[in-house]
Amino acid sequence: MTTSRDAETSVPIHPLIAARWSPRALDPDGKVTDEQLRAVLEAARWAPSNGNTQPARFLVGRRGDPVHERLFDLLSKRNQGWAHPAAVLVLACAATENEKGRVPMPEYGVGLAAENLVLQAVAEGLVAHQMGGFDKEGAKLVFSLPADVEPQVVIALGALGSPDLLDEERRAKELAPRRRLSLGEIAFGGEWGTPVF
């Protein structure tokens, strides 16, 4: 079983960030305790947001309950192929309005909250995989979401499982080296395209 997939970085970064990755091999018997679930949601609650508007909202389903089943049914067939063992499925949504009117940059706020959530999952000894492949319009209907709430991502939470649980294609991806663009390709100084490092 894969136990460490730490990022190879040009300088040391925080261990939680280095250890965060998006596995598809989830232990079908893995658990997320109430304390762990509360901790990941609490971490999401404390994410920064524009003017403290806090646009992130979460629908939470545990394996075997109706919310989990409905969220699973909304996933793309490709994601259904691996996400069924997730102990928890979380639908992260953006509340686009509040009492003052339109919330500025709500999707960005949800992204920050989701990152806090997955980093706390790592701290809790869990794994998380975020999925954009799901039926957003279906989620609005199935969960009777208010008109000002937009589904953004479904997050699978659980315990890491063996890559042997996956089909050949997914297992190859699970075991392949992790890759990112180099720092010189994403961080510029002086002018666009000139690496800062």
Protein backbone atom coordinates (compact mmCIF):
# COMPACT_ATOMS: atom_id res chain seq x y z
CA MET A 1 0.00 0.00 0.00
CA THR A 2 1.21 3.51 -0.80
CA THR A 3 1.99 5.24 2.48
CA SER A 4 3.87 8.37 1.42
CA ARG A 5 3.47 10.44 -1.70
CA ASP A 6 5.12 13.60 -0.40
CA ALA A 7 5.68 16.30 -2.99
CA GLU A 8 9.22 16.82 -4.24
CA THR A 9 9.80 20.55 -3.76
CA SER A 10 12.62 22.99 -4.54
CA VAL A 11 12.68 24.07 -0.87
CA PRO A 12 11.06 22.51 2.20
CA ILE A 13 7.35 23.29 2.62
CA HIS A 14 5.00 22.51 5.48
CA PRO A 15 4.61 18.72 5.87
CA LEU A 16 0.79 18.92 5.63
CA ILE A 17 1.05 20.60 2.23
CA ALA A 18 3.75 18.20 1.02
CA ALA A 19 1.69 15.18 2.12
CA ARG A 20 -1.59 16.32 0.55
CA TRP A 21 -2.54 14.46 -2.61
CA SER A 22 -5.73 13.16 -4.20
CA PRO A 23 -5.84 9.37 -4.01
CA ARG A 24 -8.58 7.33 -5.60
CA ALA A 25 -7.86 4.17 -3.62
CA LEU A 26 -10.08 4.44 -0.56
CA ASP A 27 -10.42 1.81 2.14
CA PRO A 28 -14.01 0.46 1.99
CA ASP A 29 -13.83 -0.20 5.74
CA GLY A 30 -12.19 3.14 6.56
CA LYS A 31 -13.93 5.41 9.02
CA VAL A 32 -14.17 9.15 9.59
CA THR A 33 -15.01 9.77 13.23
CA ASP A 34 -17.38 12.51 14.38
CA GLU A 35 -14.38 14.34 15.85
CA GLN A 36 -12.45 14.14 12.56
CA LEU A 37 -15.45 15.27 10.53
CA ARG A 38 -16.10 18.14 12.88
CA ALA A 39 -12.42 19.15 12.68
CA VAL A 40 -12.34 19.26 8.86
CA LEU A 41 -15.54 21.30 8.74
CA GLU A 42 -14.27 23.62 11.48
CA ALA A 43 -11.06 24.15 9.48
CA ALA A 44 -13.19 25.04 6.45
CA ARG A 45 -15.22 27.48 8.55
CA TRP A 46 -12.07 29.40 9.47
CA ALA A 47 -10.85 29.88 5.89
CA PRO A 48 -10.30 33.46 4.71
CA SER A 49 -13.01 35.04 2.58
CA ASN A 50 -13.57 38.42 0.94
CA GLY A 51 -14.77 40.78 3.68
CA ASN A 52 -15.48 37.79 5.95
CA THR A 53 -18.51 36.92 3.79
CA GLN A 54 -17.95 33.18 4.38
CA PRO A 55 -19.69 31.89 1.24
CA ALA A 56 -18.82 28.20 1.74
CA ARG A 57 -21.69 25.85 2.59
CA PHE A 58 -21.46 22.07 2.94
CA LEU A 59 -23.84 19.14 2.56
CA VAL A 60 -22.38 16.08 4.31
CA GLY A 61 -23.20 12.43 3.69
CA ARG A 62 -21.76 9.41 5.49
CA ARG A 63 -21.38 6.04 3.82
CA GLY A 64 -24.74 4.26 3.97
CA ASP A 65 -26.93 7.32 4.59
CA PRO A 66 -29.30 8.87 2.01
CA VAL A 67 -27.21 12.04 1.50
CA HIS A 68 -24.14 9.95 0.64
CA GLU A 69 -26.20 7.85 -1.78
CA ARG A 70 -27.69 10.91 -3.51
CA LEU A 71 -24.27 12.58 -3.79
CA PHE A 72 -22.77 9.39 -5.20
CA ASP A 73 -25.56 9.15 -7.78
CA LEU A 74 -24.71 12.71 -8.94
CA LEU A 75 -21.07 11.86 -9.62
CA SER A 76 -19.88 11.27 -13.17
CA LYS A 77 -19.59 7.59 -14.11
CA ARG A 78 -15.81 8.00 -14.09
CA ASN A 79 -15.83 9.24 -10.47
CA GLN A 80 -18.39 6.63 -9.45
CA GLY A 81 -15.86 4.04 -10.59
CA TRP A 82 -13.62 4.76 -7.60
CA ALA A 83 -15.48 6.97 -5.07
CA HIS A 84 -17.98 4.41 -3.74
CA PRO A 85 -15.81 3.41 -0.73
CA ALA A 86 -15.58 7.01 0.55
CA ALA A 87 -16.54 7.15 4.22
CA VAL A 88 -17.89 10.68 3.68
CA LEU A 89 -18.96 12.66 0.63
CA VAL A 90 -19.18 16.44 1.02
CA LEU A 91 -20.87 18.79 -1.44
CA ALA A 92 -19.21 22.21 -1.19
CA CYS A 93 -21.39 25.07 -2.39
CA ALA A 94 -21.07 28.82 -2.77
CA ALA A 95 -23.68 31.11 -1.22
CA THR A 96 -23.62 33.92 -3.79
CA GLU A 97 -25.73 36.45 -1.87
CA ASN A 98 -26.14 37.63 1.69
CA GLU A 99 -28.09 40.37 3.47
CA LYS A 100 -25.88 43.01 1.81
CA GLY A 101 -26.37 41.69 -1.72
CA ARG A 102 -24.00 39.87 -4.06
CA VAL A 103 -21.10 38.13 -2.28
CA PRO A 104 -17.77 39.07 -3.90
CA MET A 105 -15.74 36.17 -5.32
CA PRO A 106 -17.79 33.37 -3.71
CA GLU A 107 -16.12 30.59 -5.72
CA TYR A 108 -12.71 31.74 -4.50
CA GLY A 109 -13.98 31.64 -0.92
CA VAL A 110 -15.23 28.07 -1.38
CA GLY A 111 -11.86 27.10 -2.87
CA LEU A 112 -10.05 28.46 0.18
CA ALA A 113 -12.45 26.64 2.52
CA ALA A 114 -12.06 23.39 0.57
CA GLU A 115 -8.27 23.62 0.81
CA ASN A 116 -8.51 24.16 4.58
CA LEU A 117 -10.80 21.13 4.74
CA VAL A 118 -8.43 18.84 2.84
CA LEU A 119 -5.35 20.00 4.75
CA GLN A 120 -7.13 19.32 8.03
CA ALA A 121 -8.05 15.89 6.65
CA VAL A 122 -4.32 15.21 6.17
CA ALA A 123 -3.69 16.38 9.75
CA GLU A 124 -6.39 13.93 10.90
CA GLY A 125 -4.72 11.00 9.10
CA LEU A 126 -7.38 10.97 6.38
CA VAL A 127 -7.26 11.46 2.64
CA ALA A 128 -9.45 13.67 0.47
CA HIS A 129 -10.14 13.87 -3.25
CA GLN A 130 -12.01 16.82 -4.76
CA MET A 131 -14.22 16.20 -7.80
CA GLY A 132 -15.65 18.62 -10.31
CA GLY A 133 -17.19 15.75 -12.27
CA PHE A 134 -20.76 15.71 -10.99
CA ASP A 135 -24.20 16.90 -12.05
CA LYS A 136 -24.43 20.44 -10.65
CA GLU A 137 -27.95 21.08 -11.93
CA GLY A 138 -29.02 17.73 -10.53
CA ALA A 139 -27.55 18.65 -7.15
CA LYS A 140 -29.66 21.82 -7.09
CA LEU A 141 -32.79 19.76 -7.67
CA VAL A 142 -32.01 16.72 -5.51
CA PHE A 143 -31.10 18.85 -2.49
CA SER A 144 -33.56 21.71 -3.14
CA LEU A 145 -30.74 24.23 -2.98
CA PRO A 146 -31.75 27.89 -2.70
CA ALA A 147 -31.46 29.94 -5.91
CA ASP A 148 -28.42 31.80 -4.54
CA VAL A 149 -26.45 28.62 -3.75
CA GLU A 150 -24.17 27.16 -6.44
CA PRO A 151 -22.65 23.66 -6.16
CA GLN A 152 -18.89 23.78 -6.67
CA VAL A 153 -17.22 20.46 -5.85
CA VAL A 154 -17.80 17.08 -4.20
CA ILE A 155 -15.07 15.97 -1.79
CA ALA A 156 -14.51 12.31 -0.94
CA LEU A 157 -13.06 11.73 2.54
CA GLY A 158 -11.82 8.51 4.02
CA ALA A 159 -8.88 6.30 4.79
CA LEU A 160 -6.25 5.45 2.23
CA GLY A 161 -6.77 2.06 0.63
CA SER A 162 -4.57 -0.24 -1.41
CA PRO A 163 -4.03 0.67 -5.08
CA ASP A 164 -4.97 -2.96 -5.74
CA LEU A 165 -8.59 -1.90 -5.15
CA LEU A 166 -8.46 0.06 -8.42
CA ASP A 167 -8.72 -0.99 -12.04
CA GLU A 168 -5.49 -1.08 -14.06
CA GLU A 169 -5.77 2.47 -15.46
CA ARG A 170 -6.54 4.09 -12.11
CA ARG A 171 -3.91 2.01 -10.32
CA ALA A 172 -1.27 3.25 -12.78
CA LYS A 173 -2.29 6.86 -12.06
CA GLU A 174 -2.27 6.19 -8.33
CA LEU A 175 1.28 4.88 -8.43
CA ALA A 176 2.71 7.31 -11.00
CA PRO A 177 5.12 10.00 -9.80
CA ARG A 178 3.43 13.23 -8.74
CA ARG A 179 4.13 16.09 -11.13
CA ARG A 180 3.67 19.86 -11.14
CA LEU A 181 4.83 22.67 -13.38
CA SER A 182 8.18 24.04 -12.21
CA LEU A 183 8.27 27.19 -10.09
CA GLY A 184 9.86 29.01 -13.02
CA GLU A 185 6.76 28.29 -15.11
CA ILE A 186 4.26 29.77 -12.65
CA ALA A 187 5.99 32.57 -10.70
CA PHE A 188 7.31 35.56 -12.63
CA GLY A 189 9.29 38.66 -11.69
CA GLY A 190 10.03 41.82 -13.63
CA GLU A 191 7.84 40.85 -16.56
CA TRP A 192 5.50 38.05 -17.55
CA GLY A 193 7.38 34.89 -18.37
CA THR A 194 10.59 35.84 -16.55
CA PRO A 195 10.99 33.42 -13.65
CA VAL A 196 11.29 35.03 -10.23
CA PHE A 197 13.45 32.03 -9.18
